[in-house]
Amino acid sequence: MNENLTEKSCMDFCTALASSAPVPGGGGAAALAGALAAALCAMAARLTASKPAFADRAGELNGLIARADALRGALLRLIDADAEGFVPLSKAYAIPKDEPGRAETLRRATLAACKAPAEMMEALAECTALLETLLQHCSRLMLSDVGCAAALCAGALEAAAMNVFVNTKSLKGDPEADAVALGASRLLDDYLPGARAVSGQVLSLLREEGKNG
């Protein structure tokens, strides 16, 4: 790739995503959604920490902000990493089926294409944990932002998992691919319920308050 996808404007990125070009695709969209979740997490924590009433929680909130900022950066970098990982795979599929070494080249390229979405899932798992903590310590004025972040995080986690599984399914029975798929399944089982619980809790609370308002 000659151009970093993260250097595009929001409009240009969406235009590229909607085009017939192979990248960006679902993996890039997952990473972007995850980066937005981490950004909202940091924003909600920063605004909470700025309030005198939360001065006693400044240390914990500042630590959370630092991690959320790091995750945002990591997820943004994974947009381009995901696109770069697809290039060798697309070339491998174009190799004639009777060419010697095609199967191993395709196997290596497929495993490489799993790397970025698998790393996204690790980052999104940590983001989920941050949001679970933040829900208990943020200003009520920031609850909607925490809920939005959790909803984005849940969607991004599922989307990243799909981008793992779509590749590992072609290598079922391969020890490396099976290990990657198992790791992705465990992250889904361990963290997706938490992300959904945070967004669901916030949505239910705001919806009820809206009815009673």
C-alpha atoms as a PDB file:
ATOM      1  CA  MET A   1       0.000   0.000   0.000  1.00  0.00           C
ATOM      2  CA  ASN A   2       1.250   3.448  -0.904  1.00  0.00           C
ATOM      3  CA  GLU A   3      -1.080   5.450   1.336  1.00  0.00           C
ATOM      4  CA  ASN A   4      -1.788   5.054   5.022  1.00  0.00           C
ATOM      5  CA  LEU A   5      -5.492   4.595   5.528  1.00  0.00           C
ATOM      6  CA  THR A   6      -5.334   6.468   8.823  1.00  0.00           C
ATOM      7  CA  GLU A   7      -4.202   9.592   6.955  1.00  0.00           C
ATOM      8  CA  LYS A   8      -7.497   9.755   5.078  1.00  0.00           C
ATOM      9  CA  SER A   9     -10.300  12.041   6.180  1.00  0.00           C
ATOM     10  CA  CYS A  10     -13.408  10.420   7.631  1.00  0.00           C
ATOM     11  CA  MET A  11     -15.204  11.046   4.339  1.00  0.00           C
ATOM     12  CA  ASP A  12     -12.387   9.598   2.227  1.00  0.00           C
ATOM     13  CA  PHE A  13     -12.044   6.547   4.449  1.00  0.00           C
ATOM     14  CA  CYS A  14     -15.761   5.814   4.168  1.00  0.00           C
ATOM     15  CA  THR A  15     -15.610   6.323   0.417  1.00  0.00           C
ATOM     16  CA  ALA A  16     -12.725   3.863   0.186  1.00  0.00           C
ATOM     17  CA  LEU A  17     -14.598   1.421   2.420  1.00  0.00           C
ATOM     18  CA  ALA A  18     -17.647   1.615   0.152  1.00  0.00           C
ATOM     19  CA  SER A  19     -15.624   1.103  -3.015  1.00  0.00           C
ATOM     20  CA  SER A  20     -14.799  -2.136  -4.805  1.00  0.00           C
ATOM     21  CA  ALA A  21     -11.201  -1.960  -3.547  1.00  0.00           C
ATOM     22  CA  PRO A  22     -10.288  -4.947  -1.341  1.00  0.00           C
ATOM     23  CA  VAL A  23      -9.009  -2.704   1.443  1.00  0.00           C
ATOM     24  CA  PRO A  24     -10.083  -1.211   3.725  1.00  0.00           C
ATOM     25  CA  GLY A  25     -12.599  -3.874   4.629  1.00  0.00           C
ATOM     26  CA  GLY A  26     -14.188  -5.407   7.687  1.00  0.00           C
ATOM     27  CA  GLY A  27     -10.922  -5.600   9.588  1.00  0.00           C
ATOM     28  CA  GLY A  28     -10.146  -1.927   9.077  1.00  0.00           C
ATOM     29  CA  ALA A  29     -13.686  -0.985  10.060  1.00  0.00           C
ATOM     30  CA  ALA A  30     -13.382  -3.087  13.222  1.00  0.00           C
ATOM     31  CA  ALA A  31     -10.131  -1.382  14.181  1.00  0.00           C
ATOM     32  CA  LEU A  32     -11.602   2.070  13.562  1.00  0.00           C
ATOM     33  CA  ALA A  33     -14.690   1.294  15.655  1.00  0.00           C
ATOM     34  CA  GLY A  34     -12.416   0.037  18.402  1.00  0.00           C
ATOM     35  CA  ALA A  35     -10.290   3.179  18.253  1.00  0.00           C
ATOM     36  CA  LEU A  36     -13.449   5.272  18.607  1.00  0.00           C
ATOM     37  CA  ALA A  37     -14.449   3.213  21.635  1.00  0.00           C
ATOM     38  CA  ALA A  38     -11.064   3.783  23.252  1.00  0.00           C
ATOM     39  CA  ALA A  39     -11.263   7.498  22.453  1.00  0.00           C
ATOM     40  CA  LEU A  40     -14.680   7.789  24.096  1.00  0.00           C
ATOM     41  CA  CYS A  41     -13.366   5.895  27.102  1.00  0.00           C
ATOM     42  CA  ALA A  42     -10.500   8.359  27.469  1.00  0.00           C
ATOM     43  CA  MET A  43     -12.793  11.351  26.991  1.00  0.00           C
ATOM     44  CA  ALA A  44     -15.255  10.196  29.644  1.00  0.00           C
ATOM     45  CA  ALA A  45     -12.418   9.548  32.078  1.00  0.00           C
ATOM     46  CA  ARG A  46     -10.754  12.917  31.371  1.00  0.00           C
ATOM     47  CA  LEU A  47     -13.934  14.887  31.887  1.00  0.00           C
ATOM     48  CA  THR A  48     -14.667  12.970  35.079  1.00  0.00           C
ATOM     49  CA  ALA A  49     -11.135  13.528  36.399  1.00  0.00           C
ATOM     50  CA  SER A  50     -11.463  17.270  35.763  1.00  0.00           C
ATOM     51  CA  LYS A  51     -14.334  17.550  38.238  1.00  0.00           C
ATOM     52  CA  PRO A  52     -13.430  18.434  41.860  1.00  0.00           C
ATOM     53  CA  ALA A  53     -15.909  15.881  43.165  1.00  0.00           C
ATOM     54  CA  PHE A  54     -13.755  13.096  41.690  1.00  0.00           C
ATOM     55  CA  ALA A  55     -10.384  14.347  42.953  1.00  0.00           C
ATOM     56  CA  ASP A  56      -9.998  11.278  45.166  1.00  0.00           C
ATOM     57  CA  ARG A  57     -10.129   9.069  42.064  1.00  0.00           C
ATOM     58  CA  ALA A  58      -7.615  11.064  40.030  1.00  0.00           C
ATOM     59  CA  GLY A  59      -4.874   8.438  40.232  1.00  0.00           C
ATOM     60  CA  GLU A  60      -7.068   5.614  38.993  1.00  0.00           C
ATOM     61  CA  LEU A  61      -8.677   7.753  36.313  1.00  0.00           C
ATOM     62  CA  ASN A  62      -5.343   9.041  35.020  1.00  0.00           C
ATOM     63  CA  GLY A  63      -4.039   5.483  34.749  1.00  0.00           C
ATOM     64  CA  LEU A  64      -7.165   4.511  32.842  1.00  0.00           C
ATOM     65  CA  ILE A  65      -6.745   7.499  30.509  1.00  0.00           C
ATOM     66  CA  ALA A  66      -3.171   6.506  29.718  1.00  0.00           C
ATOM     67  CA  ARG A  67      -4.197   2.969  28.821  1.00  0.00           C
ATOM     68  CA  ALA A  68      -7.177   4.129  26.743  1.00  0.00           C
ATOM     69  CA  ASP A  69      -4.944   6.526  24.799  1.00  0.00           C
ATOM     70  CA  ALA A  70      -2.452   3.719  24.141  1.00  0.00           C
ATOM     71  CA  LEU A  71      -5.201   1.398  22.955  1.00  0.00           C
ATOM     72  CA  ARG A  72      -6.564   4.066  20.623  1.00  0.00           C
ATOM     73  CA  GLY A  73      -3.139   4.427  19.035  1.00  0.00           C
ATOM     74  CA  ALA A  74      -2.679   0.683  18.742  1.00  0.00           C
ATOM     75  CA  LEU A  75      -6.070   0.176  17.110  1.00  0.00           C
ATOM     76  CA  LEU A  76      -5.482   2.983  14.624  1.00  0.00           C
ATOM     77  CA  ARG A  77      -2.181   1.393  13.617  1.00  0.00           C
ATOM     78  CA  LEU A  78      -3.969  -1.907  13.124  1.00  0.00           C
ATOM     79  CA  ILE A  79      -6.140  -0.366  10.387  1.00  0.00           C
ATOM     80  CA  ASP A  80      -3.120  -0.232   8.113  1.00  0.00           C
ATOM     81  CA  ALA A  81      -1.647  -3.452   9.477  1.00  0.00           C
ATOM     82  CA  ASP A  82      -4.833  -5.287   8.558  1.00  0.00           C
ATOM     83  CA  ALA A  83      -4.761  -3.902   5.015  1.00  0.00           C
ATOM     84  CA  GLU A  84      -1.085  -4.788   4.656  1.00  0.00           C
ATOM     85  CA  GLY A  85      -1.769  -8.320   5.872  1.00  0.00           C
ATOM     86  CA  PHE A  86      -4.354  -8.857   3.161  1.00  0.00           C
ATOM     87  CA  VAL A  87      -2.011  -8.087   0.266  1.00  0.00           C
ATOM     88  CA  PRO A  88       0.128 -11.273   0.507  1.00  0.00           C
ATOM     89  CA  LEU A  89      -3.018 -13.350   0.965  1.00  0.00           C
ATOM     90  CA  SER A  90      -4.649 -11.975  -2.170  1.00  0.00           C
ATOM     91  CA  LYS A  91      -1.440 -12.671  -4.095  1.00  0.00           C
ATOM     92  CA  ALA A  92      -1.259 -16.201  -2.706  1.00  0.00           C
ATOM     93  CA  TYR A  93      -4.783 -16.986  -3.893  1.00  0.00           C
ATOM     94  CA  ALA A  94      -3.738 -15.868  -7.384  1.00  0.00           C
ATOM     95  CA  ILE A  95      -0.965 -18.471  -7.569  1.00  0.00           C
ATOM     96  CA  PRO A  96      -1.912 -21.280  -9.996  1.00  0.00           C
ATOM     97  CA  LYS A  97      -3.236 -24.261  -8.069  1.00  0.00           C
ATOM     98  CA  ASP A  98      -0.759 -26.650  -9.668  1.00  0.00           C
ATOM     99  CA  GLU A  99       2.295 -24.569  -8.768  1.00  0.00           C
ATOM    100  CA  PRO A 100       4.620 -26.283  -6.263  1.00  0.00           C
ATOM    101  CA  GLY A 101       4.662 -24.635  -2.861  1.00  0.00           C
ATOM    102  CA  ARG A 102       1.303 -22.896  -3.318  1.00  0.00           C
ATOM    103  CA  ALA A 103      -0.307 -24.589  -0.327  1.00  0.00           C
ATOM    104  CA  GLU A 104       2.443 -23.552   2.081  1.00  0.00           C
ATOM    105  CA  THR A 105       2.568 -20.015   0.704  1.00  0.00           C
ATOM    106  CA  LEU A 106      -1.193 -19.755   1.122  1.00  0.00           C
ATOM    107  CA  ARG A 107      -0.998 -21.179   4.641  1.00  0.00           C
ATOM    108  CA  ARG A 108       1.617 -18.647   5.733  1.00  0.00           C
ATOM    109  CA  ALA A 109      -0.271 -15.762   4.138  1.00  0.00           C
ATOM    110  CA  THR A 110      -3.521 -16.849   5.773  1.00  0.00           C
ATOM    111  CA  LEU A 111      -1.929 -16.992   9.206  1.00  0.00           C
ATOM    112  CA  ALA A 112      -0.339 -13.590   8.618  1.00  0.00           C
ATOM    113  CA  ALA A 113      -3.743 -12.142   7.692  1.00  0.00           C
ATOM    114  CA  CYS A 114      -5.072 -13.289  11.078  1.00  0.00           C
ATOM    115  CA  LYS A 115      -2.437 -11.342  13.006  1.00  0.00           C
ATOM    116  CA  ALA A 116      -3.974  -7.858  12.886  1.00  0.00           C
ATOM    117  CA  PRO A 117      -7.559  -8.854  13.764  1.00  0.00           C
ATOM    118  CA  ALA A 118      -6.264 -11.104  16.556  1.00  0.00           C
ATOM    119  CA  GLU A 119      -4.316  -8.145  17.953  1.00  0.00           C
ATOM    120  CA  MET A 120      -7.438  -6.000  17.639  1.00  0.00           C
ATOM    121  CA  MET A 121      -9.272  -8.474  19.834  1.00  0.00           C
ATOM    122  CA  GLU A 122      -6.571  -8.283  22.503  1.00  0.00           C
ATOM    123  CA  ALA A 123      -6.804  -4.491  22.516  1.00  0.00           C
ATOM    124  CA  LEU A 124     -10.596  -4.543  22.562  1.00  0.00           C
ATOM    125  CA  ALA A 125     -10.587  -6.979  25.467  1.00  0.00           C
ATOM    126  CA  GLU A 126      -8.514  -4.514  27.477  1.00  0.00           C
ATOM    127  CA  CYS A 127     -10.772  -1.652  26.393  1.00  0.00           C
ATOM    128  CA  THR A 128     -13.783  -3.615  27.651  1.00  0.00           C
ATOM    129  CA  ALA A 129     -12.124  -4.062  31.034  1.00  0.00           C
ATOM    130  CA  LEU A 130     -11.418  -0.323  31.204  1.00  0.00           C
ATOM    131  CA  LEU A 131     -15.027   0.496  30.424  1.00  0.00           C
ATOM    132  CA  GLU A 132     -16.274  -1.901  33.100  1.00  0.00           C
ATOM    133  CA  THR A 133     -14.106  -0.034  35.604  1.00  0.00           C
ATOM    134  CA  LEU A 134     -15.030   3.391  34.285  1.00  0.00           C
ATOM    135  CA  LEU A 135     -18.738   2.651  34.558  1.00  0.00           C
ATOM    136  CA  GLN A 136     -18.291   2.410  38.316  1.00  0.00           C
ATOM    137  CA  HIS A 137     -16.242   5.591  38.694  1.00  0.00           C
ATOM    138  CA  CYS A 138     -17.321   8.128  36.073  1.00  0.00           C
ATOM    139  CA  SER A 139     -19.538  11.144  36.386  1.00  0.00           C
ATOM    140  CA  ARG A 140     -23.172  10.431  35.587  1.00  0.00           C
ATOM    141  CA  LEU A 141     -22.879  13.083  32.894  1.00  0.00           C
ATOM    142  CA  MET A 142     -20.488  10.749  31.071  1.00  0.00           C
ATOM    143  CA  LEU A 143     -22.629   7.610  31.275  1.00  0.00           C
ATOM    144  CA  SER A 144     -23.923   7.864  27.706  1.00  0.00           C
ATOM    145  CA  ASP A 145     -20.369   8.146  26.390  1.00  0.00           C
ATOM    146  CA  VAL A 146     -19.303   5.074  28.346  1.00  0.00           C
ATOM    147  CA  GLY A 147     -22.313   3.199  26.994  1.00  0.00           C
ATOM    148  CA  CYS A 148     -21.582   4.279  23.430  1.00  0.00           C
ATOM    149  CA  ALA A 149     -17.964   3.197  23.847  1.00  0.00           C
ATOM    150  CA  ALA A 150     -19.058  -0.207  25.114  1.00  0.00           C
ATOM    151  CA  ALA A 151     -21.483  -0.678  22.228  1.00  0.00           C
ATOM    152  CA  LEU A 152     -18.737   0.156  19.738  1.00  0.00           C
ATOM    153  CA  CYS A 153     -16.327  -2.099  21.577  1.00  0.00           C
ATOM    154  CA  ALA A 154     -18.725  -5.044  21.443  1.00  0.00           C
ATOM    155  CA  GLY A 155     -19.348  -4.582  17.734  1.00  0.00           C
ATOM    156  CA  ALA A 156     -15.651  -4.183  17.013  1.00  0.00           C
ATOM    157  CA  LEU A 157     -14.812  -7.302  19.015  1.00  0.00           C
ATOM    158  CA  GLU A 158     -17.294  -9.376  17.025  1.00  0.00           C
ATOM    159  CA  ALA A 159     -16.151  -7.864  13.726  1.00  0.00           C
ATOM    160  CA  ALA A 160     -12.493  -8.551  14.479  1.00  0.00           C
ATOM    161  CA  ALA A 161     -13.376 -12.132  15.443  1.00  0.00           C
ATOM    162  CA  MET A 162     -15.129 -12.651  12.124  1.00  0.00           C
ATOM    163  CA  ASN A 163     -11.968 -11.543  10.358  1.00  0.00           C
ATOM    164  CA  VAL A 164     -10.017 -14.134  12.297  1.00  0.00           C
ATOM    165  CA  PHE A 165     -12.467 -16.967  11.715  1.00  0.00           C
ATOM    166  CA  VAL A 166     -12.941 -16.303   7.990  1.00  0.00           C
ATOM    167  CA  ASN A 167      -9.265 -17.094   7.579  1.00  0.00           C
ATOM    168  CA  THR A 168      -8.744 -19.874  10.101  1.00  0.00           C
ATOM    169  CA  LYS A 169     -11.676 -21.872   8.731  1.00  0.00           C
ATOM    170  CA  SER A 170      -9.693 -22.543   5.558  1.00  0.00           C
ATOM    171  CA  LEU A 171      -6.911 -24.083   7.653  1.00  0.00           C
ATOM    172  CA  LYS A 172      -9.015 -26.196   9.994  1.00  0.00           C
ATOM    173  CA  GLY A 173      -6.823 -28.896  11.483  1.00  0.00           C
ATOM    174  CA  ASP A 174      -3.646 -26.835  11.173  1.00  0.00           C
ATOM    175  CA  PRO A 175      -2.215 -26.489  14.718  1.00  0.00           C
ATOM    176  CA  GLU A 176      -1.263 -22.828  14.324  1.00  0.00           C
ATOM    177  CA  ALA A 177      -4.581 -21.836  12.805  1.00  0.00           C
ATOM    178  CA  ASP A 178      -6.543 -23.815  15.385  1.00  0.00           C
ATOM    179  CA  ALA A 179      -4.631 -22.059  18.175  1.00  0.00           C
ATOM    180  CA  VAL A 180      -5.449 -18.645  16.700  1.00  0.00           C
ATOM    181  CA  ALA A 181      -9.137 -19.567  16.360  1.00  0.00           C
ATOM    182  CA  LEU A 182      -9.237 -20.893  19.916  1.00  0.00           C
ATOM    183  CA  GLY A 183      -7.684 -17.699  21.236  1.00  0.00           C
ATOM    184  CA  ALA A 184     -10.251 -15.603  19.398  1.00  0.00           C
ATOM    185  CA  SER A 185     -13.105 -17.748  20.720  1.00  0.00           C
ATOM    186  CA  ARG A 186     -11.862 -17.371  24.276  1.00  0.00           C
ATOM    187  CA  LEU A 187     -11.617 -13.603  23.981  1.00  0.00           C
ATOM    188  CA  LEU A 188     -15.188 -13.487  22.677  1.00  0.00           C
ATOM    189  CA  ASP A 189     -16.443 -15.659  25.505  1.00  0.00           C
ATOM    190  CA  ASP A 190     -14.523 -13.717  28.145  1.00  0.00           C
ATOM    191  CA  TYR A 191     -15.101 -10.122  27.061  1.00  0.00           C
ATOM    192  CA  LEU A 192     -18.078  -9.763  24.725  1.00  0.00           C
ATOM    193  CA  PRO A 193     -20.600 -10.305  27.555  1.00  0.00           C
ATOM    194  CA  GLY A 194     -18.910  -7.573  29.576  1.00  0.00           C
ATOM    195  CA  ALA A 195     -19.013  -5.045  26.761  1.00  0.00           C
ATOM    196  CA  ARG A 196     -22.653  -5.826  26.120  1.00  0.00           C
ATOM    197  CA  ALA A 197     -23.440  -5.621  29.826  1.00  0.00           C
ATOM    198  CA  VAL A 198     -21.980  -2.123  30.092  1.00  0.00           C
ATOM    199  CA  SER A 199     -23.840  -0.808  27.047  1.00  0.00           C
ATOM    200  CA  GLY A 200     -27.023  -2.598  28.108  1.00  0.00           C
ATOM    201  CA  GLN A 201     -26.874  -1.220  31.617  1.00  0.00           C
ATOM    202  CA  VAL A 202     -26.377   2.335  30.408  1.00  0.00           C
ATOM    203  CA  LEU A 203     -29.081   2.021  27.758  1.00  0.00           C
ATOM    204  CA  SER A 204     -31.605   0.637  30.238  1.00  0.00           C
ATOM    205  CA  LEU A 205     -30.838   3.366  32.761  1.00  0.00           C
ATOM    206  CA  LEU A 206     -31.098   6.206  30.253  1.00  0.00           C
ATOM    207  CA  ARG A 207     -34.189   4.735  28.666  1.00  0.00           C
ATOM    208  CA  GLU A 208     -35.919   4.464  32.046  1.00  0.00           C
ATOM    209  CA  GLU A 209     -34.919   7.974  33.017  1.00  0.00           C
ATOM    210  CA  GLY A 210     -36.249   9.189  29.673  1.00  0.00           C
ATOM    211  CA  LYS A 211     -39.634   7.587  30.369  1.00  0.00           C
ATOM    212  CA  ASN A 212     -39.818   9.131  33.812  1.00  0.00           C
ATOM    213  CA  GLY A 213     -38.639  12.554  32.698  1.00  0.00           C
END
